Amino acid sequence: MLQIGGVPGLPEIGAGTDLADAIAAACDAAGTPLTDGDVVVVTSKIVSKAEGRLIRLDQVSVGPAARQLAATNSKDPRLLELILRESRRIVRRRGSLLICETHHGFICANAGIDASNVPHGHVVLLPRDPDRSARRLQSAIAARVGGRIGVVITDTHGRPFRRAIINVAIGVAGFEPVVDHRGGHDREGRMLI
């Protein structure tokens, strides 16, 4: 049977927080301890906060490329500097909106940099290596639980021409996240390629 539930009672996460311990403790306190076979879905924001990826904008030095971009964009030049640092390339610009390809290969607004639910004057960057972060978290939680645990790290992404966002798995550990149907057949007998 599949059961899905939130984890109430997580403390505010900061740099150096033992995220595995915080998640396991919150699950225990809620009366839903993690057990063998569970999959934990964690937002990239708390992973990033625990990994010290919360950045104070007043400590960002702005380079020439960000200054040039700021001349035609209404965003804070310090934020633009971070967007450029976190991007392989800018895929598209419309007004102040920047759609970027991150160094991870994700296509998202502002290179995944987010200012929501963080202190004023701060932004949070995506984890440097979400799969590695998921593996570390999975290993630590599995050791506490004494069984196999899956971990998914998610981030919210917008969709072109839609007025909504979706959660995207950006890091996974503890299970195969994709089922490959190539070579199989659909219900009409056609081979899937």
C-alpha atoms as a PDB file:
ATOM      1  CA  MET A   1       0.000   0.000   0.000  1.00  0.00           C
ATOM      2  CA  LEU A   2       1.286   3.447  -0.925  1.00  0.00           C
ATOM      3  CA  GLN A   3       1.066   6.119   1.751  1.00  0.00           C
ATOM      4  CA  ILE A   4       2.158   9.723   1.331  1.00  0.00           C
ATOM      5  CA  GLY A   5       2.554  12.140   4.201  1.00  0.00           C
ATOM      6  CA  GLY A   6       4.260  15.345   5.173  1.00  0.00           C
ATOM      7  CA  VAL A   7       6.872  15.629   7.884  1.00  0.00           C
ATOM      8  CA  PRO A   8       5.727  18.200  10.448  1.00  0.00           C
ATOM      9  CA  GLY A   9       8.038  19.771  12.964  1.00  0.00           C
ATOM     10  CA  LEU A  10      11.258  20.145  11.003  1.00  0.00           C
ATOM     11  CA  PRO A  11      13.351  22.913  12.555  1.00  0.00           C
ATOM     12  CA  GLU A  12      14.708  25.819  10.523  1.00  0.00           C
ATOM     13  CA  ILE A  13      17.607  24.363   8.556  1.00  0.00           C
ATOM     14  CA  GLY A  14      20.942  26.161   8.527  1.00  0.00           C
ATOM     15  CA  ALA A  15      24.454  25.530   7.294  1.00  0.00           C
ATOM     16  CA  GLY A  16      25.823  22.362   8.869  1.00  0.00           C
ATOM     17  CA  THR A  17      22.445  21.011  10.016  1.00  0.00           C
ATOM     18  CA  ASP A  18      22.481  17.202  10.111  1.00  0.00           C
ATOM     19  CA  LEU A  19      19.570  16.894   7.719  1.00  0.00           C
ATOM     20  CA  ALA A  20      19.290  13.112   8.058  1.00  0.00           C
ATOM     21  CA  ASP A  21      19.021  13.422  11.821  1.00  0.00           C
ATOM     22  CA  ALA A  22      16.509  16.291  11.587  1.00  0.00           C
ATOM     23  CA  ILE A  23      14.275  14.339   9.178  1.00  0.00           C
ATOM     24  CA  ALA A  24      14.446  11.096  11.164  1.00  0.00           C
ATOM     25  CA  ALA A  25      13.771  12.927  14.447  1.00  0.00           C
ATOM     26  CA  ALA A  26      10.787  14.800  12.969  1.00  0.00           C
ATOM     27  CA  CYS A  27       9.331  11.554  11.593  1.00  0.00           C
ATOM     28  CA  ASP A  28       9.808   9.859  14.982  1.00  0.00           C
ATOM     29  CA  ALA A  29       8.191  12.796  16.813  1.00  0.00           C
ATOM     30  CA  ALA A  30       5.219  12.693  14.406  1.00  0.00           C
ATOM     31  CA  GLY A  31       4.679   9.001  15.185  1.00  0.00           C
ATOM     32  CA  THR A  32       5.661   7.916  11.668  1.00  0.00           C
ATOM     33  CA  PRO A  33       9.221   6.628  11.999  1.00  0.00           C
ATOM     34  CA  LEU A  34      11.012   5.865   8.761  1.00  0.00           C
ATOM     35  CA  THR A  35      11.241   2.164   7.947  1.00  0.00           C
ATOM     36  CA  ASP A  36      12.862  -0.091   5.386  1.00  0.00           C
ATOM     37  CA  GLY A  37      11.495   0.653   1.914  1.00  0.00           C
ATOM     38  CA  ASP A  38      10.390   4.236   2.561  1.00  0.00           C
ATOM     39  CA  VAL A  39      11.206   7.004   0.097  1.00  0.00           C
ATOM     40  CA  VAL A  40      11.909  10.464   1.491  1.00  0.00           C
ATOM     41  CA  VAL A  41      11.247  13.450  -0.769  1.00  0.00           C
ATOM     42  CA  VAL A  42      13.167  16.557   0.257  1.00  0.00           C
ATOM     43  CA  THR A  43      13.082  20.055  -1.191  1.00  0.00           C
ATOM     44  CA  SER A  44      16.312  21.305  -2.702  1.00  0.00           C
ATOM     45  CA  LYS A  45      16.020  24.413  -0.532  1.00  0.00           C
ATOM     46  CA  ILE A  46      16.616  22.623   2.764  1.00  0.00           C
ATOM     47  CA  VAL A  47      19.416  20.566   1.225  1.00  0.00           C
ATOM     48  CA  SER A  48      21.008  23.776  -0.048  1.00  0.00           C
ATOM     49  CA  LYS A  49      20.600  25.490   3.314  1.00  0.00           C
ATOM     50  CA  ALA A  50      22.227  22.540   5.117  1.00  0.00           C
ATOM     51  CA  GLU A  51      25.066  22.610   2.583  1.00  0.00           C
ATOM     52  CA  GLY A  52      25.709  26.325   3.127  1.00  0.00           C
ATOM     53  CA  ARG A  53      24.290  27.509  -0.205  1.00  0.00           C
ATOM     54  CA  LEU A  54      22.369  30.405   1.400  1.00  0.00           C
ATOM     55  CA  ILE A  55      24.046  33.551   0.062  1.00  0.00           C
ATOM     56  CA  ARG A  56      23.942  37.108   1.414  1.00  0.00           C
ATOM     57  CA  LEU A  57      23.532  39.452  -1.535  1.00  0.00           C
ATOM     58  CA  ASP A  58      25.541  42.193   0.183  1.00  0.00           C
ATOM     59  CA  GLN A  59      28.585  39.901   0.028  1.00  0.00           C
ATOM     60  CA  VAL A  60      28.404  39.332  -3.751  1.00  0.00           C
ATOM     61  CA  SER A  61      30.932  41.151  -5.929  1.00  0.00           C
ATOM     62  CA  VAL A  62      29.438  42.146  -9.268  1.00  0.00           C
ATOM     63  CA  GLY A  63      31.530  41.549 -12.390  1.00  0.00           C
ATOM     64  CA  PRO A  64      31.429  43.282 -15.760  1.00  0.00           C
ATOM     65  CA  ALA A  65      29.077  40.753 -17.415  1.00  0.00           C
ATOM     66  CA  ALA A  66      26.487  41.164 -14.647  1.00  0.00           C
ATOM     67  CA  ARG A  67      26.818  44.964 -14.795  1.00  0.00           C
ATOM     68  CA  GLN A  68      26.226  44.874 -18.545  1.00  0.00           C
ATOM     69  CA  LEU A  69      23.205  42.599 -18.116  1.00  0.00           C
ATOM     70  CA  ALA A  70      21.856  44.856 -15.347  1.00  0.00           C
ATOM     71  CA  ALA A  71      21.757  47.758 -17.799  1.00  0.00           C
ATOM     72  CA  THR A  72      18.926  45.996 -19.661  1.00  0.00           C
ATOM     73  CA  ASN A  73      17.358  44.053 -16.782  1.00  0.00           C
ATOM     74  CA  SER A  74      15.525  45.231 -13.685  1.00  0.00           C
ATOM     75  CA  LYS A  75      17.031  42.546 -11.429  1.00  0.00           C
ATOM     76  CA  ASP A  76      19.544  43.336  -8.700  1.00  0.00           C
ATOM     77  CA  PRO A  77      23.041  43.205 -10.280  1.00  0.00           C
ATOM     78  CA  ARG A  78      24.219  40.982  -7.395  1.00  0.00           C
ATOM     79  CA  LEU A  79      21.489  38.471  -8.209  1.00  0.00           C
ATOM     80  CA  LEU A  80      22.432  38.650 -11.885  1.00  0.00           C
ATOM     81  CA  GLU A  81      26.040  37.900 -10.920  1.00  0.00           C
ATOM     82  CA  LEU A  82      24.925  34.754  -9.099  1.00  0.00           C
ATOM     83  CA  ILE A  83      22.681  33.738 -11.998  1.00  0.00           C
ATOM     84  CA  LEU A  84      25.617  34.027 -14.382  1.00  0.00           C
ATOM     85  CA  ARG A  85      27.893  32.059 -12.036  1.00  0.00           C
ATOM     86  CA  GLU A  86      25.345  29.249 -11.709  1.00  0.00           C
ATOM     87  CA  SER A  87      24.595  29.060 -15.463  1.00  0.00           C
ATOM     88  CA  ARG A  88      26.202  27.404 -18.444  1.00  0.00           C
ATOM     89  CA  ARG A  89      24.225  29.774 -20.610  1.00  0.00           C
ATOM     90  CA  ILE A  90      21.181  31.985 -20.745  1.00  0.00           C
ATOM     91  CA  VAL A  91      18.675  30.190 -22.955  1.00  0.00           C
ATOM     92  CA  ARG A  92      16.131  33.002 -23.275  1.00  0.00           C
ATOM     93  CA  ARG A  93      15.421  36.489 -22.014  1.00  0.00           C
ATOM     94  CA  ARG A  94      12.089  38.233 -21.893  1.00  0.00           C
ATOM     95  CA  GLY A  95      11.960  41.429 -19.894  1.00  0.00           C
ATOM     96  CA  SER A  96      13.605  40.646 -16.580  1.00  0.00           C
ATOM     97  CA  LEU A  97      12.917  36.905 -16.931  1.00  0.00           C
ATOM     98  CA  LEU A  98      16.029  34.797 -17.511  1.00  0.00           C
ATOM     99  CA  ILE A  99      15.668  31.155 -18.505  1.00  0.00           C
ATOM    100  CA  CYS A 100      19.013  29.490 -17.878  1.00  0.00           C
ATOM    101  CA  GLU A 101      20.743  26.200 -18.328  1.00  0.00           C
ATOM    102  CA  THR A 102      22.480  25.467 -15.032  1.00  0.00           C
ATOM    103  CA  HIS A 103      25.821  23.719 -14.747  1.00  0.00           C
ATOM    104  CA  HIS A 104      23.776  20.621 -13.812  1.00  0.00           C
ATOM    105  CA  GLY A 105      21.955  20.832 -17.165  1.00  0.00           C
ATOM    106  CA  PHE A 106      18.591  21.956 -15.729  1.00  0.00           C
ATOM    107  CA  ILE A 107      16.606  24.516 -17.727  1.00  0.00           C
ATOM    108  CA  CYS A 108      14.927  26.840 -15.266  1.00  0.00           C
ATOM    109  CA  ALA A 109      14.296  30.460 -14.328  1.00  0.00           C
ATOM    110  CA  ASN A 110      17.181  32.366 -12.745  1.00  0.00           C
ATOM    111  CA  ALA A 111      19.423  29.269 -12.658  1.00  0.00           C
ATOM    112  CA  GLY A 112      17.229  27.875  -9.879  1.00  0.00           C
ATOM    113  CA  ILE A 113      18.162  30.697  -7.492  1.00  0.00           C
ATOM    114  CA  ASP A 114      15.344  31.419  -5.052  1.00  0.00           C
ATOM    115  CA  ALA A 115      14.613  34.190  -2.568  1.00  0.00           C
ATOM    116  CA  SER A 116      11.393  32.765  -1.089  1.00  0.00           C
ATOM    117  CA  ASN A 117      11.350  31.583   2.520  1.00  0.00           C
ATOM    118  CA  VAL A 118      14.855  32.864   3.218  1.00  0.00           C
ATOM    119  CA  PRO A 119      15.869  35.931   5.229  1.00  0.00           C
ATOM    120  CA  HIS A 120      15.581  39.284   3.480  1.00  0.00           C
ATOM    121  CA  GLY A 121      18.709  40.080   1.489  1.00  0.00           C
ATOM    122  CA  HIS A 122      19.567  36.406   0.983  1.00  0.00           C
ATOM    123  CA  VAL A 123      19.055  33.906  -1.828  1.00  0.00           C
ATOM    124  CA  VAL A 124      19.524  30.170  -1.946  1.00  0.00           C
ATOM    125  CA  LEU A 125      21.350  28.366  -4.750  1.00  0.00           C
ATOM    126  CA  LEU A 126      20.643  24.825  -5.910  1.00  0.00           C
ATOM    127  CA  PRO A 127      22.825  22.073  -4.416  1.00  0.00           C
ATOM    128  CA  ARG A 128      26.123  21.772  -6.313  1.00  0.00           C
ATOM    129  CA  ASP A 129      25.587  18.060  -7.027  1.00  0.00           C
ATOM    130  CA  PRO A 130      22.006  17.000  -6.179  1.00  0.00           C
ATOM    131  CA  ASP A 131      22.643  13.291  -6.862  1.00  0.00           C
ATOM    132  CA  ARG A 132      25.650  13.307  -4.518  1.00  0.00           C
ATOM    133  CA  SER A 133      23.575  15.169  -1.923  1.00  0.00           C
ATOM    134  CA  ALA A 134      20.834  12.540  -2.296  1.00  0.00           C
ATOM    135  CA  ARG A 135      23.371   9.710  -1.900  1.00  0.00           C
ATOM    136  CA  ARG A 136      24.812  11.215   1.286  1.00  0.00           C
ATOM    137  CA  LEU A 137      21.363  11.824   2.748  1.00  0.00           C
ATOM    138  CA  GLN A 138      20.155   8.362   1.710  1.00  0.00           C
ATOM    139  CA  SER A 139      23.174   6.676   3.273  1.00  0.00           C
ATOM    140  CA  ALA A 140      22.838   8.588   6.542  1.00  0.00           C
ATOM    141  CA  ILE A 141      19.079   7.979   6.883  1.00  0.00           C
ATOM    142  CA  ALA A 142      19.433   4.300   5.923  1.00  0.00           C
ATOM    143  CA  ALA A 143      22.104   3.864   8.620  1.00  0.00           C
ATOM    144  CA  ARG A 144      19.766   5.373  11.239  1.00  0.00           C
ATOM    145  CA  VAL A 145      16.799   3.284  10.088  1.00  0.00           C
ATOM    146  CA  GLY A 146      18.736   0.079   9.547  1.00  0.00           C
ATOM    147  CA  GLY A 147      17.149  -0.573   6.174  1.00  0.00           C
ATOM    148  CA  ARG A 148      16.927   0.524   2.568  1.00  0.00           C
ATOM    149  CA  ILE A 149      15.639   4.078   2.086  1.00  0.00           C
ATOM    150  CA  GLY A 150      15.156   6.041  -1.116  1.00  0.00           C
ATOM    151  CA  VAL A 151      15.740   9.789  -1.345  1.00  0.00           C
ATOM    152  CA  VAL A 152      14.460  12.236  -3.941  1.00  0.00           C
ATOM    153  CA  ILE A 153      15.553  15.869  -3.948  1.00  0.00           C
ATOM    154  CA  THR A 154      13.040  18.114  -5.723  1.00  0.00           C
ATOM    155  CA  ASP A 155      12.915  21.646  -7.026  1.00  0.00           C
ATOM    156  CA  THR A 156      10.005  23.609  -8.439  1.00  0.00           C
ATOM    157  CA  HIS A 157      10.260  24.605 -12.090  1.00  0.00           C
ATOM    158  CA  GLY A 158       7.962  26.661 -14.254  1.00  0.00           C
ATOM    159  CA  ARG A 159       6.673  25.337 -17.549  1.00  0.00           C
ATOM    160  CA  PRO A 160       6.658  27.346 -20.781  1.00  0.00           C
ATOM    161  CA  PHE A 161       3.249  28.809 -21.613  1.00  0.00           C
ATOM    162  CA  ARG A 162       1.793  27.591 -18.302  1.00  0.00           C
ATOM    163  CA  ARG A 163       0.866  29.592 -15.241  1.00  0.00           C
ATOM    164  CA  ALA A 164       1.923  26.994 -12.751  1.00  0.00           C
ATOM    165  CA  ILE A 165       4.934  25.175 -11.430  1.00  0.00           C
ATOM    166  CA  ILE A 166       5.794  21.507 -11.071  1.00  0.00           C
ATOM    167  CA  ASN A 167       8.123  19.611  -8.792  1.00  0.00           C
ATOM    168  CA  VAL A 168      11.064  18.060 -10.625  1.00  0.00           C
ATOM    169  CA  ALA A 169      13.363  15.380  -9.222  1.00  0.00           C
ATOM    170  CA  ILE A 170      16.856  16.877  -9.446  1.00  0.00           C
ATOM    171  CA  GLY A 171      18.627  14.275  -7.309  1.00  0.00           C
ATOM    172  CA  VAL A 172      17.852  10.625  -6.550  1.00  0.00           C
ATOM    173  CA  ALA A 173      19.463   7.852  -4.504  1.00  0.00           C
ATOM    174  CA  GLY A 174      18.543   4.413  -3.220  1.00  0.00           C
ATOM    175  CA  PHE A 175      16.457   3.224  -6.177  1.00  0.00           C
ATOM    176  CA  GLU A 176      16.308   3.356  -9.968  1.00  0.00           C
ATOM    177  CA  PRO A 177      14.258   6.475 -10.750  1.00  0.00           C
ATOM    178  CA  VAL A 178      13.467   5.641 -14.381  1.00  0.00           C
ATOM    179  CA  VAL A 179      11.757   2.629 -15.882  1.00  0.00           C
ATOM    180  CA  ASP A 180      13.073   2.005 -19.393  1.00  0.00           C
ATOM    181  CA  HIS A 181      10.274   0.653 -21.585  1.00  0.00           C
ATOM    182  CA  ARG A 182      12.321   0.619 -24.803  1.00  0.00           C
ATOM    183  CA  GLY A 183      12.130  -2.784 -26.445  1.00  0.00           C
ATOM    184  CA  GLY A 184       8.875  -3.592 -24.664  1.00  0.00           C
ATOM    185  CA  HIS A 185       5.439  -3.514 -26.260  1.00  0.00           C
ATOM    186  CA  ASP A 186       2.373  -1.376 -25.777  1.00  0.00           C
ATOM    187  CA  ARG A 187      -1.066  -2.972 -25.267  1.00  0.00           C
ATOM    188  CA  GLU A 188      -1.543  -3.128 -29.060  1.00  0.00           C
ATOM    189  CA  GLY A 189       1.704  -5.038 -29.529  1.00  0.00           C
ATOM    190  CA  ARG A 190       3.728  -2.144 -30.992  1.00  0.00           C
ATOM    191  CA  MET A 191       7.367  -2.105 -29.944  1.00  0.00           C
ATOM    192  CA  LEU A 192       8.383   0.844 -27.828  1.00  0.00           C
ATOM    193  CA  ILE A 193      11.481   2.629 -29.062  1.00  0.00           C
END
